[in-house]
């Protein structure tokens, strides 16, 4: 049922979030790449609330993995 107005006790604050894409690389592991990406994002963005690993890939040199790269979708809640 639609109500044209809300009683004061029914009013709640909705939160609005934004998502940004970042890329992070590590020579150690995917986990380290994710951790580094999220920590770096949190230095610039306020209210980081989560991240989704959208892509993973490795760089290979002479048959050996030399780096791990992730593309993250980082969610942060707007003030």
PDB file of N, CA and C in Angstrom:
ATOM      1  N   UNK A   1       0.843  -1.171   0.000  1.00  0.00           N
ATOM      2  CA  UNK A   1       0.000   0.000   0.000  1.00  0.00           C
ATOM      3  C   UNK A   1       0.888   1.235   0.000  1.00  0.00           C
ATOM      4  N   UNK A   2       0.679   2.131  -0.909  1.00  0.00           N
ATOM      5  CA  UNK A   2       1.466   3.359  -1.016  1.00  0.00           C
ATOM      6  C   UNK A   2       0.927   4.404  -0.061  1.00  0.00           C
ATOM      7  N   UNK A   3       1.840   5.038   0.702  1.00  0.00           N
ATOM      8  CA  UNK A   3       1.446   6.130   1.595  1.00  0.00           C
ATOM      9  C   UNK A   3       2.111   7.397   1.100  1.00  0.00           C
ATOM     10  N   UNK A   4       1.363   8.458   1.032  1.00  0.00           N
ATOM     11  CA  UNK A   4       1.874   9.727   0.508  1.00  0.00           C
ATOM     12  C   UNK A   4       2.897  10.355   1.434  1.00  0.00           C
ATOM     13  N   UNK A   5       2.850  10.045   2.703  1.00  0.00           N
ATOM     14  CA  UNK A   5       3.824  10.592   3.647  1.00  0.00           C
ATOM     15  C   UNK A   5       4.172   9.524   4.671  1.00  0.00           C
ATOM     16  N   UNK A   6       5.269   9.717   5.342  1.00  0.00           N
ATOM     17  CA  UNK A   6       5.708   8.783   6.377  1.00  0.00           C
ATOM     18  C   UNK A   6       5.610   9.450   7.732  1.00  0.00           C
ATOM     19  N   UNK A   7       5.195   8.703   8.723  1.00  0.00           N
ATOM     20  CA  UNK A   7       5.255   9.210  10.088  1.00  0.00           C
ATOM     21  C   UNK A   7       6.720   9.355  10.456  1.00  0.00           C
ATOM     22  N   UNK A   8       7.010  10.251  11.402  1.00  0.00           N
ATOM     23  CA  UNK A   8       8.412  10.462  11.790  1.00  0.00           C
ATOM     24  C   UNK A   8       9.084   9.176  12.212  1.00  0.00           C
ATOM     25  N   UNK A   9       8.382   8.309  12.933  1.00  0.00           N
ATOM     26  CA  UNK A   9       9.000   7.080  13.413  1.00  0.00           C
ATOM     27  C   UNK A   9       9.261   6.091  12.285  1.00  0.00           C
ATOM     28  N   UNK A  10       8.576   6.227  11.155  1.00  0.00           N
ATOM     29  CA  UNK A  10       8.769   5.333  10.021  1.00  0.00           C
ATOM     30  C   UNK A  10       9.882   5.791   9.092  1.00  0.00           C
ATOM     31  N   UNK A  11      10.346   7.025   9.225  1.00  0.00           N
ATOM     32  CA  UNK A  11      11.355   7.541   8.312  1.00  0.00           C
ATOM     33  C   UNK A  11      12.711   6.908   8.614  1.00  0.00           C
ATOM     34  N   UNK A  12      13.334   6.373   7.582  1.00  0.00           N
ATOM     35  CA  UNK A  12      14.665   5.798   7.724  1.00  0.00           C
ATOM     36  C   UNK A  12      15.564   6.406   6.663  1.00  0.00           C
ATOM     37  N   UNK A  13      16.817   6.450   6.966  1.00  0.00           N
ATOM     38  CA  UNK A  13      17.793   7.006   6.035  1.00  0.00           C
ATOM     39  C   UNK A  13      18.251   5.909   5.090  1.00  0.00           C
ATOM     40  N   UNK A  14      18.073   6.104   3.817  1.00  0.00           N
ATOM     41  CA  UNK A  14      18.558   5.152   2.829  1.00  0.00           C
ATOM     42  C   UNK A  14      20.026   5.430   2.565  1.00  0.00           C
ATOM     43  N   UNK A  15      20.785   4.398   2.294  1.00  0.00           N
ATOM     44  CA  UNK A  15      22.183   4.610   1.956  1.00  0.00           C
ATOM     45  C   UNK A  15      22.361   4.456   0.454  1.00  0.00           C
ATOM     46  N   UNK A  16      23.280   5.225  -0.075  1.00  0.00           N
ATOM     47  CA  UNK A  16      23.587   5.183  -1.499  1.00  0.00           C
ATOM     48  C   UNK A  16      25.064   4.850  -1.634  1.00  0.00           C
ATOM     49  N   UNK A  17      25.365   3.905  -2.488  1.00  0.00           N
ATOM     50  CA  UNK A  17      26.747   3.473  -2.675  1.00  0.00           C
ATOM     51  C   UNK A  17      27.160   3.690  -4.124  1.00  0.00           C
ATOM     52  N   UNK A  18      28.451   3.763  -4.309  1.00  0.00           N
ATOM     53  CA  UNK A  18      29.017   3.883  -5.648  1.00  0.00           C
ATOM     54  C   UNK A  18      30.028   2.747  -5.817  1.00  0.00           C
ATOM     55  N   UNK A  19      30.227   2.336  -7.046  1.00  0.00           N
ATOM     56  CA  UNK A  19      31.181   1.267  -7.343  1.00  0.00           C
ATOM     57  C   UNK A  19      32.220   1.817  -8.316  1.00  0.00           C
ATOM     58  N   UNK A  20      33.471   1.526  -8.030  1.00  0.00           N
ATOM     59  CA  UNK A  20      34.548   1.929  -8.928  1.00  0.00           C
ATOM     60  C   UNK A  20      35.405   0.710  -9.243  1.00  0.00           C
ATOM     61  N   UNK A  21      35.981   0.687 -10.441  1.00  0.00           N
ATOM     62  CA  UNK A  21      36.851  -0.418 -10.861  1.00  0.00           C
ATOM     63  C   UNK A  21      38.302  -0.036 -10.605  1.00  0.00           C
ATOM     64  N   UNK A  22      39.051  -0.967 -10.035  1.00  0.00           N
ATOM     65  CA  UNK A  22      40.492  -0.756  -9.876  1.00  0.00           C
ATOM     66  C   UNK A  22      41.214  -2.040 -10.275  1.00  0.00           C
ATOM     67  N   UNK A  23      42.464  -1.879 -10.625  1.00  0.00           N
ATOM     68  CA  UNK A  23      43.318  -3.005 -10.956  1.00  0.00           C
ATOM     69  C   UNK A  23      44.473  -3.024  -9.960  1.00  0.00           C
ATOM     70  N   UNK A  24      44.837  -4.201  -9.501  1.00  0.00           N
ATOM     71  CA  UNK A  24      45.924  -4.333  -8.531  1.00  0.00           C
ATOM     72  C   UNK A  24      46.788  -5.528  -8.911  1.00  0.00           C
ATOM     73  N   UNK A  25      48.077  -5.392  -8.678  1.00  0.00           N
ATOM     74  CA  UNK A  25      49.027  -6.436  -9.067  1.00  0.00           C
ATOM     75  C   UNK A  25      49.938  -6.783  -7.889  1.00  0.00           C
ATOM     76  N   UNK A  26      50.304  -8.039  -7.792  1.00  0.00           N
ATOM     77  CA  UNK A  26      51.222  -8.509  -6.761  1.00  0.00           C
ATOM     78  C   UNK A  26      52.145  -9.561  -7.355  1.00  0.00           C
ATOM     79  N   UNK A  27      53.341  -9.618  -6.875  1.00  0.00           N
ATOM     80  CA  UNK A  27      54.274 -10.675  -7.286  1.00  0.00           C
ATOM     81  C   UNK A  27      54.129 -11.915  -6.398  1.00  0.00           C
ATOM     82  N   UNK A  28      53.270 -11.819  -5.362  1.00  0.00           N
ATOM     83  CA  UNK A  28      53.136 -12.893  -4.379  1.00  0.00           C
ATOM     84  C   UNK A  28      51.943 -13.808  -4.622  1.00  0.00           C
ATOM     85  N   UNK A  29      50.715 -13.223  -4.726  1.00  0.00           N
ATOM     86  CA  UNK A  29      49.508 -14.046  -4.838  1.00  0.00           C
ATOM     87  C   UNK A  29      48.304 -13.195  -5.215  1.00  0.00           C
ATOM     88  N   UNK A  30      47.220 -13.878  -5.609  1.00  0.00           N
ATOM     89  CA  UNK A  30      45.968 -13.174  -5.856  1.00  0.00           C
ATOM     90  C   UNK A  30      45.473 -12.517  -4.578  1.00  0.00           C
ATOM     91  N   UNK A  31      45.564 -13.244  -3.470  1.00  0.00           N
ATOM     92  CA  UNK A  31      45.111 -12.704  -2.184  1.00  0.00           C
ATOM     93  C   UNK A  31      45.853 -11.408  -1.855  1.00  0.00           C
ATOM     94  N   UNK A  32      47.147 -11.387  -2.081  1.00  0.00           N
ATOM     95  CA  UNK A  32      47.938 -10.182  -1.814  1.00  0.00           C
ATOM     96  C   UNK A  32      47.527  -9.043  -2.751  1.00  0.00           C
ATOM     97  N   UNK A  33      47.207  -9.360  -3.989  1.00  0.00           N
ATOM     98  CA  UNK A  33      46.757  -8.341  -4.938  1.00  0.00           C
ATOM     99  C   UNK A  33      45.415  -7.752  -4.493  1.00  0.00           C
ATOM    100  N   UNK A  34      44.506  -8.604  -4.043  1.00  0.00           N
ATOM    101  CA  UNK A  34      43.205  -8.123  -3.553  1.00  0.00           C
ATOM    102  C   UNK A  34      43.401  -7.254  -2.314  1.00  0.00           C
ATOM    103  N   UNK A  35      44.160  -7.757  -1.365  1.00  0.00           N
ATOM    104  CA  UNK A  35      44.392  -7.003  -0.120  1.00  0.00           C
ATOM    105  C   UNK A  35      45.016  -5.647  -0.424  1.00  0.00           C
ATOM    106  N   UNK A  36      46.026  -5.624  -1.265  1.00  0.00           N
ATOM    107  CA  UNK A  36      46.686  -4.366  -1.610  1.00  0.00           C
ATOM    108  C   UNK A  36      45.758  -3.401  -2.322  1.00  0.00           C
ATOM    109  N   UNK A  37      44.913  -3.915  -3.214  1.00  0.00           N
ATOM    110  CA  UNK A  37      43.966  -3.072  -3.926  1.00  0.00           C
ATOM    111  C   UNK A  37      42.941  -2.445  -2.996  1.00  0.00           C
ATOM    112  N   UNK A  38      42.389  -3.248  -2.094  1.00  0.00           N
ATOM    113  CA  UNK A  38      41.386  -2.740  -1.153  1.00  0.00           C
ATOM    114  C   UNK A  38      42.016  -1.738  -0.188  1.00  0.00           C
ATOM    115  N   UNK A  39      43.197  -2.050   0.322  1.00  0.00           N
ATOM    116  CA  UNK A  39      43.860  -1.124   1.251  1.00  0.00           C
ATOM    117  C   UNK A  39      44.183   0.199   0.573  1.00  0.00           C
ATOM    118  N   UNK A  40      44.628   0.136  -0.669  1.00  0.00           N
ATOM    119  CA  UNK A  40      44.934   1.378  -1.397  1.00  0.00           C
ATOM    120  C   UNK A  40      43.673   2.166  -1.701  1.00  0.00           C
ATOM    121  N   UNK A  41      42.608   1.489  -2.080  1.00  0.00           N
ATOM    122  CA  UNK A  41      41.343   2.172  -2.343  1.00  0.00           C
ATOM    123  C   UNK A  41      40.843   2.882  -1.088  1.00  0.00           C
ATOM    124  N   UNK A  42      40.993   2.235   0.065  1.00  0.00           N
ATOM    125  CA  UNK A  42      40.525   2.812   1.328  1.00  0.00           C
ATOM    126  C   UNK A  42      41.327   4.056   1.729  1.00  0.00           C
ATOM    127  N   UNK A  43      42.512   4.236   1.186  1.00  0.00           N
ATOM    128  CA  UNK A  43      43.293   5.446   1.466  1.00  0.00           C
ATOM    129  C   UNK A  43      42.709   6.661   0.750  1.00  0.00           C
ATOM    130  N   UNK A  44      42.034   6.420  -0.374  1.00  0.00           N
ATOM    131  CA  UNK A  44      41.490   7.499  -1.201  1.00  0.00           C
ATOM    132  C   UNK A  44      39.978   7.642  -1.042  1.00  0.00           C
ATOM    133  N   UNK A  45      39.278   6.523  -0.925  1.00  0.00           N
ATOM    134  CA  UNK A  45      37.814   6.529  -0.856  1.00  0.00           C
ATOM    135  C   UNK A  45      37.354   6.363   0.587  1.00  0.00           C
ATOM    136  N   UNK A  46      36.359   7.162   0.973  1.00  0.00           N
ATOM    137  CA  UNK A  46      35.786   7.003   2.312  1.00  0.00           C
ATOM    138  C   UNK A  46      34.703   5.937   2.273  1.00  0.00           C
ATOM    139  N   UNK A  47      34.508   5.275   3.391  1.00  0.00           N
ATOM    140  CA  UNK A  47      33.399   4.328   3.592  1.00  0.00           C
ATOM    141  C   UNK A  47      33.425   3.126   2.643  1.00  0.00           C
ATOM    142  N   UNK A  48      34.612   2.589   2.378  1.00  0.00           N
ATOM    143  CA  UNK A  48      34.699   1.366   1.565  1.00  0.00           C
ATOM    144  C   UNK A  48      33.996   0.251   2.336  1.00  0.00           C
ATOM    145  N   UNK A  49      33.043  -0.417   1.668  1.00  0.00           N
ATOM    146  CA  UNK A  49      32.254  -1.433   2.367  1.00  0.00           C
ATOM    147  C   UNK A  49      32.423  -2.839   1.785  1.00  0.00           C
ATOM    148  N   UNK A  50      33.065  -2.956   0.633  1.00  0.00           N
ATOM    149  CA  UNK A  50      33.260  -4.280   0.066  1.00  0.00           C
ATOM    150  C   UNK A  50      33.927  -4.223  -1.289  1.00  0.00           C
ATOM    151  N   UNK A  51      34.278  -5.407  -1.791  1.00  0.00           N
ATOM    152  CA  UNK A  51      34.904  -5.489  -3.106  1.00  0.00           C
ATOM    153  C   UNK A  51      34.547  -6.837  -3.724  1.00  0.00           C
ATOM    154  N   UNK A  52      34.414  -6.825  -5.042  1.00  0.00           N
ATOM    155  CA  UNK A  52      34.144  -8.034  -5.802  1.00  0.00           C
ATOM    156  C   UNK A  52      35.295  -8.236  -6.774  1.00  0.00           C
ATOM    157  N   UNK A  53      35.861  -9.430  -6.772  1.00  0.00           N
ATOM    158  CA  UNK A  53      36.925  -9.746  -7.714  1.00  0.00           C
ATOM    159  C   UNK A  53      36.269 -10.076  -9.047  1.00  0.00           C
ATOM    160  N   UNK A  54      36.422  -9.163  -9.991  1.00  0.00           N
ATOM    161  CA  UNK A  54      35.769  -9.311 -11.293  1.00  0.00           C
ATOM    162  C   UNK A  54      36.619 -10.140 -12.257  1.00  0.00           C
ATOM    163  N   UNK A  55      37.938  -9.951 -12.216  1.00  0.00           N
ATOM    164  CA  UNK A  55      38.841 -10.686 -13.108  1.00  0.00           C
ATOM    165  C   UNK A  55      40.113 -11.059 -12.357  1.00  0.00           C
ATOM    166  N   UNK A  56      40.715 -12.158 -12.774  1.00  0.00           N
ATOM    167  CA  UNK A  56      42.019 -12.579 -12.278  1.00  0.00           C
ATOM    168  C   UNK A  56      42.849 -12.999 -13.477  1.00  0.00           C
ATOM    169  N   UNK A  57      44.108 -12.636 -13.452  1.00  0.00           N
ATOM    170  CA  UNK A  57      45.002 -13.142 -14.494  1.00  0.00           C
ATOM    171  C   UNK A  57      46.425 -13.156 -13.957  1.00  0.00           C
ATOM    172  N   UNK A  58      47.258 -13.938 -14.606  1.00  0.00           N
ATOM    173  CA  UNK A  58      48.662 -14.020 -14.209  1.00  0.00           C
ATOM    174  C   UNK A  58      49.526 -13.608 -15.385  1.00  0.00           C
ATOM    175  N   UNK A  59      50.699 -13.106 -15.057  1.00  0.00           N
ATOM    176  CA  UNK A  59      51.702 -12.818 -16.071  1.00  0.00           C
ATOM    177  C   UNK A  59      52.737 -13.934 -15.975  1.00  0.00           C
ATOM    178  N   UNK A  60      53.121 -14.453 -17.127  1.00  0.00           N
ATOM    179  CA  UNK A  60      54.046 -15.587 -17.165  1.00  0.00           C
ATOM    180  C   UNK A  60      55.281 -15.205 -17.966  1.00  0.00           C
ATOM    181  N   UNK A  61      56.436 -15.503 -17.400  1.00  0.00           N
ATOM    182  CA  UNK A  61      57.708 -15.287 -18.084  1.00  0.00           C
ATOM    183  C   UNK A  61      58.512 -16.589 -18.001  1.00  0.00           C
ATOM    184  N   UNK A  62      58.960 -17.078 -19.136  1.00  0.00           N
ATOM    185  CA  UNK A  62      59.739 -18.321 -19.197  1.00  0.00           C
ATOM    186  C   UNK A  62      59.027 -19.478 -18.488  1.00  0.00           C
ATOM    187  N   UNK A  63      57.700 -19.548 -18.655  1.00  0.00           N
ATOM    188  CA  UNK A  63      56.940 -20.649 -18.082  1.00  0.00           C
ATOM    189  C   UNK A  63      56.646 -20.529 -16.599  1.00  0.00           C
ATOM    190  N   UNK A  64      57.014 -19.410 -15.980  1.00  0.00           N
ATOM    191  CA  UNK A  64      56.789 -19.226 -14.539  1.00  0.00           C
ATOM    192  C   UNK A  64      55.904 -18.015 -14.307  1.00  0.00           C
ATOM    193  N   UNK A  65      55.026 -18.123 -13.316  1.00  0.00           N
ATOM    194  CA  UNK A  65      54.171 -16.987 -12.955  1.00  0.00           C
ATOM    195  C   UNK A  65      55.043 -15.918 -12.302  1.00  0.00           C
ATOM    196  N   UNK A  66      54.978 -14.713 -12.870  1.00  0.00           N
ATOM    197  CA  UNK A  66      55.783 -13.615 -12.330  1.00  0.00           C
ATOM    198  C   UNK A  66      54.943 -12.561 -11.612  1.00  0.00           C
ATOM    199  N   UNK A  67      53.631 -12.524 -11.893  1.00  0.00           N
ATOM    200  CA  UNK A  67      52.767 -11.613 -11.141  1.00  0.00           C
ATOM    201  C   UNK A  67      51.312 -12.042 -11.247  1.00  0.00           C
ATOM    202  N   UNK A  68      50.549 -11.620 -10.263  1.00  0.00           N
ATOM    203  CA  UNK A  68      49.125 -11.912 -10.158  1.00  0.00           C
ATOM    204  C   UNK A  68      48.385 -10.588 -10.245  1.00  0.00           C
ATOM    205  N   UNK A  69      47.379 -10.513 -11.103  1.00  0.00           N
ATOM    206  CA  UNK A  69      46.643  -9.274 -11.265  1.00  0.00           C
ATOM    207  C   UNK A  69      45.151  -9.527 -11.061  1.00  0.00           C
ATOM    208  N   UNK A  70      44.484  -8.592 -10.395  1.00  0.00           N
ATOM    209  CA  UNK A  70      43.042  -8.665 -10.211  1.00  0.00           C
ATOM    210  C   UNK A  70      42.412  -7.347 -10.640  1.00  0.00           C
ATOM    211  N   UNK A  71      41.195  -7.443 -11.144  1.00  0.00           N
ATOM    212  CA  UNK A  71      40.365  -6.261 -11.375  1.00  0.00           C
ATOM    213  C   UNK A  71      39.256  -6.351 -10.326  1.00  0.00           C
ATOM    214  N   UNK A  72      39.123  -5.308  -9.539  1.00  0.00           N
ATOM    215  CA  UNK A  72      38.146  -5.271  -8.455  1.00  0.00           C
ATOM    216  C   UNK A  72      37.067  -4.246  -8.723  1.00  0.00           C
ATOM    217  N   UNK A  73      35.862  -4.545  -8.285  1.00  0.00           N
ATOM    218  CA  UNK A  73      34.804  -3.547  -8.202  1.00  0.00           C
ATOM    219  C   UNK A  73      34.695  -3.215  -6.718  1.00  0.00           C
ATOM    220  N   UNK A  74      35.097  -2.031  -6.346  1.00  0.00           N
ATOM    221  CA  UNK A  74      35.109  -1.604  -4.950  1.00  0.00           C
ATOM    222  C   UNK A  74      33.869  -0.767  -4.683  1.00  0.00           C
ATOM    223  N   UNK A  75      33.136  -1.126  -3.637  1.00  0.00           N
ATOM    224  CA  UNK A  75      31.921  -0.415  -3.253  1.00  0.00           C
ATOM    225  C   UNK A  75      32.207   0.487  -2.076  1.00  0.00           C
ATOM    226  N   UNK A  76      31.743   1.733  -2.183  1.00  0.00           N
ATOM    227  CA  UNK A  76      31.863   2.648  -1.050  1.00  0.00           C
ATOM    228  C   UNK A  76      30.563   3.427  -0.900  1.00  0.00           C
ATOM    229  N   UNK A  77      30.188   3.673   0.363  1.00  0.00           N
ATOM    230  CA  UNK A  77      28.924   4.335   0.678  1.00  0.00           C
ATOM    231  C   UNK A  77      29.157   5.846   0.650  1.00  0.00           C
ATOM    232  N   UNK A  78      28.293   6.550  -0.053  1.00  0.00           N
ATOM    233  CA  UNK A  78      28.421   8.008  -0.165  1.00  0.00           C
ATOM    234  C   UNK A  78      27.983   8.681   1.134  1.00  0.00           C
ATOM    235  N   UNK A  79      28.649   9.766   1.476  1.00  0.00           N
ATOM    236  CA  UNK A  79      28.284  10.545   2.670  1.00  0.00           C
ATOM    237  C   UNK A  79      26.930  11.192   2.471  1.00  0.00           C
TER     238      UNK A  79
END
